[in-house]
Amino acid sequence: SISSPLTAENGCSRLSPYLAVGCIGMRELVQAVQNRRRAAEGRWKASLSAFESRLWWHCHFIQKLEDQPDMEIQNLHPLTEQLNRPFDEEKFEAWKTGNTGWPMVDASMRYLIANGWVNFRMRAMLISIASYPLALPWQPVSRYLASLFTDYEPGIHYPQVQMQAGTTGINIPRMYNPILQAQRLDAKGLFVRRWVPELQHVSDQWIFEPWLMPRAIQENSHCIIGEDYPAPLVDFAAATRRARADLKSVRDSEFFTTAQVIGEKHGSRKRNSSRRMTGKKKARDAGQMTLF
């Protein structure tokens, strides 16, 4: 239930703000979870085990920033500085206000603005959309999100933002498709209609791609694209193709050599000792588990 914004609100622990400001200590929380898990059975026991693993990852990510504080402002992998991501004020303003034209993206941003929290999957999608199809630099994106999160924790925030923006060199780039995410996580459009009321009269057929509605249907739905609700800022398929080509352009032998060094410093140490990884695969898989 933690992936969908419809269920994550109640399915997640919601303890992150209390951890971030120190109302609850990590040691206290781990011990409480372990005590509860010993008495639990079935799926609840598995859920508590998964939750405890996230607490360990919480500390792992904080250690990343401890080891390299400049990741707050500098790309973790220096060659990703070559990515073509100029700051575009118009795109940034549309993204930060929830007016990109992609309903699931806009609903998630508006929910975050209203509540100071949104589930991890939607956070990852927001950063991915800003970084790939919109090709925005991650630094202003990071600062804006930090200003909204009630659970802002620098040690988690900056490594996670760079991971989702594709600038670590050791993680597989995740280009979240906002239409597919909506179809999987908000199949009936309940979340979208609640947080993007401009679309509340749009039928299920068009709710996640309203820009494809014929003009007559737009009028009947009381939603004229370009007037009541924007069209997407860019063509998603074409923009992500450009983003992939841009990433590919910097991934030469030097890139993977540097990525391997980064992986040795920042990657997870929890790995099967019998599993041997070298070269591209080793650099790509280091630290792939995320809090998102």
Protein backbone atom coordinates (compact mmCIF):
# COMPACT_ATOMS: atom_id res chain seq x y z
CA SER A 1 0.00 0.00 0.00
CA ILE A 2 2.99 2.37 0.21
CA SER A 3 3.23 3.01 -3.55
CA SER A 4 -0.19 4.50 -4.25
CA PRO A 5 -0.98 7.96 -2.87
CA LEU A 6 -4.50 6.68 -2.22
CA THR A 7 -3.34 4.12 0.34
CA ALA A 8 0.10 5.34 1.43
CA GLU A 9 -1.37 8.06 3.61
CA ASN A 10 -2.54 5.36 6.03
CA GLY A 11 -0.24 2.52 4.95
CA CYS A 12 3.03 4.30 5.73
CA SER A 13 4.23 4.77 9.30
CA ARG A 14 4.14 8.59 8.99
CA LEU A 15 6.94 8.75 11.57
CA SER A 16 9.43 10.50 9.27
CA PRO A 17 8.77 14.08 10.50
CA TYR A 18 9.25 12.95 14.09
CA LEU A 19 12.53 11.26 13.22
CA ALA A 20 13.68 14.30 11.24
CA VAL A 21 13.20 16.76 14.11
CA GLY A 22 14.28 14.36 16.85
CA CYS A 23 11.01 13.70 18.66
CA ILE A 24 11.72 9.97 18.24
CA GLY A 25 15.17 8.42 18.31
CA MET A 26 16.20 5.87 15.68
CA ARG A 27 17.48 3.44 18.34
CA GLU A 28 14.17 3.70 20.21
CA LEU A 29 12.19 3.04 17.04
CA VAL A 30 14.30 0.07 15.92
CA GLN A 31 13.94 -1.60 19.31
CA ALA A 32 10.17 -1.03 19.34
CA VAL A 33 9.83 -2.56 15.86
CA GLN A 34 11.96 -5.56 16.78
CA ASN A 35 9.93 -6.18 19.93
CA ARG A 36 6.67 -6.01 17.98
CA ARG A 37 8.00 -8.19 15.20
CA ARG A 38 8.88 -11.02 17.58
CA ALA A 39 5.23 -11.30 18.59
CA ALA A 40 3.78 -10.77 15.08
CA GLU A 41 2.64 -13.41 12.61
CA GLY A 42 2.04 -13.74 8.88
CA ARG A 43 1.97 -10.68 6.64
CA TRP A 44 2.19 -8.29 9.58
CA LYS A 45 5.53 -9.83 10.55
CA ALA A 46 6.77 -9.46 6.97
CA SER A 47 5.60 -5.84 6.91
CA LEU A 48 7.45 -5.03 10.11
CA SER A 49 10.57 -6.69 8.73
CA ALA A 50 10.34 -4.56 5.58
CA PHE A 51 9.80 -1.46 7.69
CA GLU A 52 12.85 -2.24 9.81
CA SER A 53 14.97 -2.61 6.67
CA ARG A 54 13.97 0.95 5.71
CA LEU A 55 15.25 2.17 9.06
CA TRP A 56 18.66 0.65 8.30
CA TRP A 57 18.59 2.27 4.87
CA HIS A 58 17.69 5.57 6.53
CA CYS A 59 21.05 5.48 8.34
CA HIS A 60 22.89 4.28 5.22
CA PHE A 61 21.76 7.31 3.26
CA ILE A 62 22.59 9.72 6.05
CA GLN A 63 26.11 8.26 6.07
CA LYS A 64 26.46 9.14 2.37
CA LEU A 65 26.13 12.85 3.13
CA GLU A 66 28.40 12.50 6.17
CA ASP A 67 31.06 11.04 3.85
CA GLN A 68 30.61 13.61 1.09
CA PRO A 69 28.88 16.82 2.21
CA ASP A 70 29.30 18.57 -1.15
CA MET A 71 26.65 16.30 -2.71
CA GLU A 72 24.21 18.96 -1.48
CA ILE A 73 25.35 21.13 -4.41
CA GLN A 74 27.68 19.07 -6.63
CA ASN A 75 26.83 16.13 -8.87
CA LEU A 76 28.09 12.95 -7.25
CA HIS A 77 29.47 11.76 -10.59
CA PRO A 78 31.45 14.66 -12.13
CA LEU A 79 30.83 13.62 -15.75
CA THR A 80 27.08 14.10 -15.29
CA GLU A 81 27.83 17.84 -15.13
CA GLN A 82 27.88 17.56 -18.93
CA LEU A 83 24.18 16.67 -19.11
CA ASN A 84 22.14 19.21 -21.02
CA ARG A 85 19.92 20.59 -18.25
CA PRO A 86 19.70 24.39 -18.43
CA PHE A 87 17.40 26.10 -15.95
CA ASP A 88 14.07 27.01 -17.57
CA GLU A 89 12.01 29.34 -15.38
CA GLU A 90 8.72 28.60 -17.18
CA LYS A 91 9.06 24.82 -16.86
CA PHE A 92 10.21 25.09 -13.26
CA GLU A 93 7.27 27.32 -12.32
CA ALA A 94 4.80 24.93 -13.96
CA TRP A 95 6.36 21.95 -12.18
CA LYS A 96 6.50 23.58 -8.74
CA THR A 97 2.87 24.75 -8.87
CA GLY A 98 1.40 21.51 -10.25
CA ASN A 99 0.63 22.73 -13.75
CA THR A 100 2.72 20.48 -15.98
CA GLY A 101 -0.26 19.09 -17.89
CA TRP A 102 0.36 15.54 -16.59
CA PRO A 103 -2.49 14.93 -14.11
CA MET A 104 -0.71 12.50 -11.77
CA VAL A 105 2.32 14.78 -11.51
CA ASP A 106 0.18 17.84 -10.81
CA ALA A 107 -2.01 16.03 -8.29
CA SER A 108 1.07 14.82 -6.41
CA MET A 109 2.65 18.27 -6.28
CA ARG A 110 -0.57 19.93 -5.14
CA TYR A 111 -1.04 17.26 -2.48
CA LEU A 112 2.51 17.86 -1.26
CA ILE A 113 2.01 21.63 -1.13
CA ALA A 114 -1.17 21.17 0.92
CA ASN A 115 0.13 18.50 3.30
CA GLY A 116 3.90 18.86 3.54
CA TRP A 117 4.20 15.14 2.79
CA VAL A 118 3.65 12.76 -0.08
CA ASN A 119 4.63 9.11 -0.37
CA PHE A 120 8.04 8.12 -1.66
CA ARG A 121 6.92 6.82 -5.05
CA MET A 122 5.35 10.16 -5.88
CA ARG A 123 8.44 12.01 -4.64
CA ALA A 124 10.55 9.92 -6.99
CA MET A 125 8.19 10.64 -9.87
CA LEU A 126 8.26 14.39 -9.21
CA ILE A 127 12.06 14.43 -9.34
CA SER A 128 12.19 12.13 -12.36
CA ILE A 129 9.78 14.32 -14.32
CA ALA A 130 11.77 17.45 -13.48
CA SER A 131 15.08 15.82 -14.39
CA TYR A 132 14.31 13.88 -17.57
CA PRO A 133 11.40 15.13 -19.72
CA LEU A 134 11.69 18.70 -18.36
CA ALA A 135 15.52 18.53 -18.24
CA LEU A 136 15.79 20.80 -15.21
CA PRO A 137 18.93 20.87 -13.04
CA TRP A 138 18.37 19.01 -9.79
CA GLN A 139 19.63 21.75 -7.45
CA PRO A 140 16.62 24.14 -7.64
CA VAL A 141 14.30 21.12 -7.70
CA SER A 142 15.96 19.83 -4.54
CA ARG A 143 15.76 23.16 -2.71
CA TYR A 144 12.09 23.61 -3.53
CA LEU A 145 11.14 20.12 -2.35
CA ALA A 146 13.19 20.60 0.82
CA SER A 147 11.14 23.70 1.58
CA LEU A 148 7.92 21.66 1.37
CA PHE A 149 8.83 18.45 3.19
CA THR A 150 7.90 18.40 6.87
CA ASP A 151 10.22 15.39 7.13
CA TYR A 152 13.17 17.07 5.39
CA GLU A 153 16.33 15.21 6.37
CA PRO A 154 19.41 16.40 4.41
CA GLY A 155 21.19 13.06 4.66
CA ILE A 156 18.32 11.30 2.93
CA HIS A 157 17.18 14.16 0.72
CA TYR A 158 20.31 14.92 -1.30
CA PRO A 159 21.43 11.34 -2.05
CA GLN A 160 17.86 10.44 -3.01
CA VAL A 161 17.38 13.47 -5.24
CA GLN A 162 20.63 12.77 -7.06
CA MET A 163 19.69 9.10 -7.38
CA GLN A 164 16.37 9.96 -9.02
CA ALA A 165 17.99 12.68 -11.16
CA GLY A 166 20.53 10.20 -12.56
CA THR A 167 23.65 12.02 -11.37
CA THR A 168 25.15 9.41 -9.01
CA GLY A 169 26.62 7.21 -11.74
CA ILE A 170 25.85 4.07 -9.71
CA ASN A 171 22.08 3.77 -10.11
CA ILE A 172 19.89 2.80 -13.04
CA PRO A 173 18.07 5.93 -14.28
CA ARG A 174 14.36 5.75 -13.49
CA MET A 175 12.22 7.66 -15.96
CA TYR A 176 8.75 7.43 -14.47
CA ASN A 177 5.96 7.55 -17.02
CA PRO A 178 3.22 9.69 -15.40
CA ILE A 179 0.45 8.04 -17.41
CA LEU A 180 1.47 4.49 -16.48
CA GLN A 181 1.98 5.50 -12.85
CA ALA A 182 -1.53 6.94 -12.76
CA GLN A 183 -3.06 3.86 -14.38
CA ARG A 184 -1.36 1.55 -11.89
CA LEU A 185 -1.73 3.59 -8.71
CA ASP A 186 -4.93 5.58 -9.24
CA ALA A 187 -6.87 3.42 -11.68
CA LYS A 188 -10.21 5.20 -11.19
CA GLY A 189 -8.71 8.69 -11.08
CA LEU A 190 -9.85 9.35 -7.52
CA PHE A 191 -6.59 10.97 -6.43
CA VAL A 192 -6.28 13.02 -9.61
CA ARG A 193 -9.84 14.34 -9.51
CA ARG A 194 -9.51 15.31 -5.86
CA TRP A 195 -6.31 17.32 -6.29
CA VAL A 196 -6.81 18.58 -9.84
CA PRO A 197 -10.44 19.72 -9.69
CA GLU A 198 -10.22 21.11 -13.22
CA LEU A 199 -10.51 17.47 -14.31
CA GLN A 200 -13.32 16.36 -12.02
CA HIS A 201 -15.84 16.04 -14.88
CA VAL A 202 -13.45 14.28 -17.26
CA SER A 203 -14.34 10.63 -17.86
CA ASP A 204 -12.13 7.67 -16.97
CA GLN A 205 -11.26 7.29 -20.64
CA TRP A 206 -9.46 10.64 -20.77
CA ILE A 207 -8.58 11.42 -17.15
CA PHE A 208 -4.85 10.69 -17.44
CA GLU A 209 -4.44 12.06 -20.98
CA PRO A 210 -6.94 14.94 -21.15
CA TRP A 211 -5.03 16.69 -23.93
CA LEU A 212 -6.15 13.92 -26.30
CA MET A 213 -9.86 14.73 -25.80
CA PRO A 214 -11.66 16.01 -28.90
CA ARG A 215 -12.83 19.60 -28.55
CA ALA A 216 -16.47 18.62 -28.15
CA ILE A 217 -15.63 16.29 -25.27
CA GLN A 218 -13.53 19.01 -23.66
CA GLU A 219 -16.52 21.32 -23.75
CA ASN A 220 -18.83 18.67 -22.32
CA SER A 221 -16.28 17.98 -19.58
CA HIS A 222 -15.97 21.69 -18.72
CA CYS A 223 -12.24 21.43 -19.28
CA ILE A 224 -10.73 23.22 -22.25
CA ILE A 225 -7.09 22.23 -22.62
CA GLY A 226 -4.92 25.31 -22.73
CA GLU A 227 -7.53 27.36 -20.88
CA ASP A 228 -8.88 25.41 -17.89
CA TYR A 229 -5.99 22.99 -17.69
CA PRO A 230 -2.63 23.05 -19.51
CA ALA A 231 -1.40 20.70 -22.19
CA PRO A 232 1.83 18.84 -21.27
CA LEU A 233 4.88 21.08 -21.35
CA VAL A 234 6.69 18.65 -23.66
CA ASP A 235 6.00 15.46 -25.56
CA PHE A 236 6.93 12.83 -22.98
CA ALA A 237 8.14 10.14 -25.38
CA ALA A 238 10.30 12.50 -27.41
CA ALA A 239 11.70 14.22 -24.31
CA THR A 240 12.67 10.97 -22.60
CA ARG A 241 14.36 9.77 -25.80
CA ARG A 242 16.47 12.92 -25.71
CA ALA A 243 17.19 12.36 -22.02
CA ARG A 244 18.38 8.80 -22.67
CA ALA A 245 20.59 9.98 -25.54
CA ASP A 246 22.00 12.69 -23.28
CA LEU A 247 22.84 10.17 -20.58
CA LYS A 248 24.37 7.80 -23.11
CA SER A 249 26.62 10.56 -24.43
CA VAL A 250 28.52 10.82 -21.13
CA ARG A 251 28.75 7.09 -20.39
CA ASP A 252 32.17 6.16 -21.73
CA SER A 253 34.90 4.00 -20.17
CA GLU A 254 36.00 6.88 -17.92
CA PHE A 255 32.42 7.21 -16.68
CA PHE A 256 32.25 3.59 -15.50
CA THR A 257 35.73 3.70 -13.96
CA THR A 258 34.69 6.70 -11.88
CA ALA A 259 31.33 5.09 -11.10
CA GLN A 260 33.10 2.05 -9.68
CA VAL A 261 35.06 4.29 -7.29
CA ILE A 262 31.83 6.02 -6.25
CA GLY A 263 30.18 2.65 -5.72
CA GLU A 264 33.01 1.51 -3.45
CA LYS A 265 32.52 4.61 -1.30
CA HIS A 266 28.74 5.04 -1.31
CA GLY A 267 27.26 1.71 -2.42
CA SER A 268 25.53 -0.77 -0.15
CA ARG A 269 27.76 -3.23 1.72
CA LYS A 270 24.91 -5.72 2.00
CA ARG A 271 25.71 -8.04 -0.86
CA ASN A 272 25.95 -11.78 -1.46
CA SER A 273 29.65 -12.61 -1.20
CA SER A 274 29.33 -15.26 -3.91
CA ARG A 275 27.98 -12.76 -6.39
CA ARG A 276 30.75 -11.21 -8.42
CA MET A 277 30.14 -8.03 -10.32
CA THR A 278 32.59 -6.15 -12.50
CA GLY A 279 32.66 -3.19 -14.82
CA LYS A 280 29.37 -1.66 -15.91
CA LYS A 281 27.18 -4.04 -13.91
CA LYS A 282 29.09 -3.41 -10.69
CA ALA A 283 28.89 0.36 -11.14
CA ARG A 284 25.23 0.22 -12.13
CA ASP A 285 24.00 -1.99 -9.29
CA ALA A 286 25.87 -0.41 -6.37
CA GLY A 287 23.43 0.95 -3.83
CA GLN A 288 20.39 0.39 -6.05
CA MET A 289 17.97 -0.08 -3.14
CA THR A 290 16.24 3.20 -2.40
CA LEU A 291 13.92 4.72 0.14
CA PHE A 292 11.71 5.75 -2.78
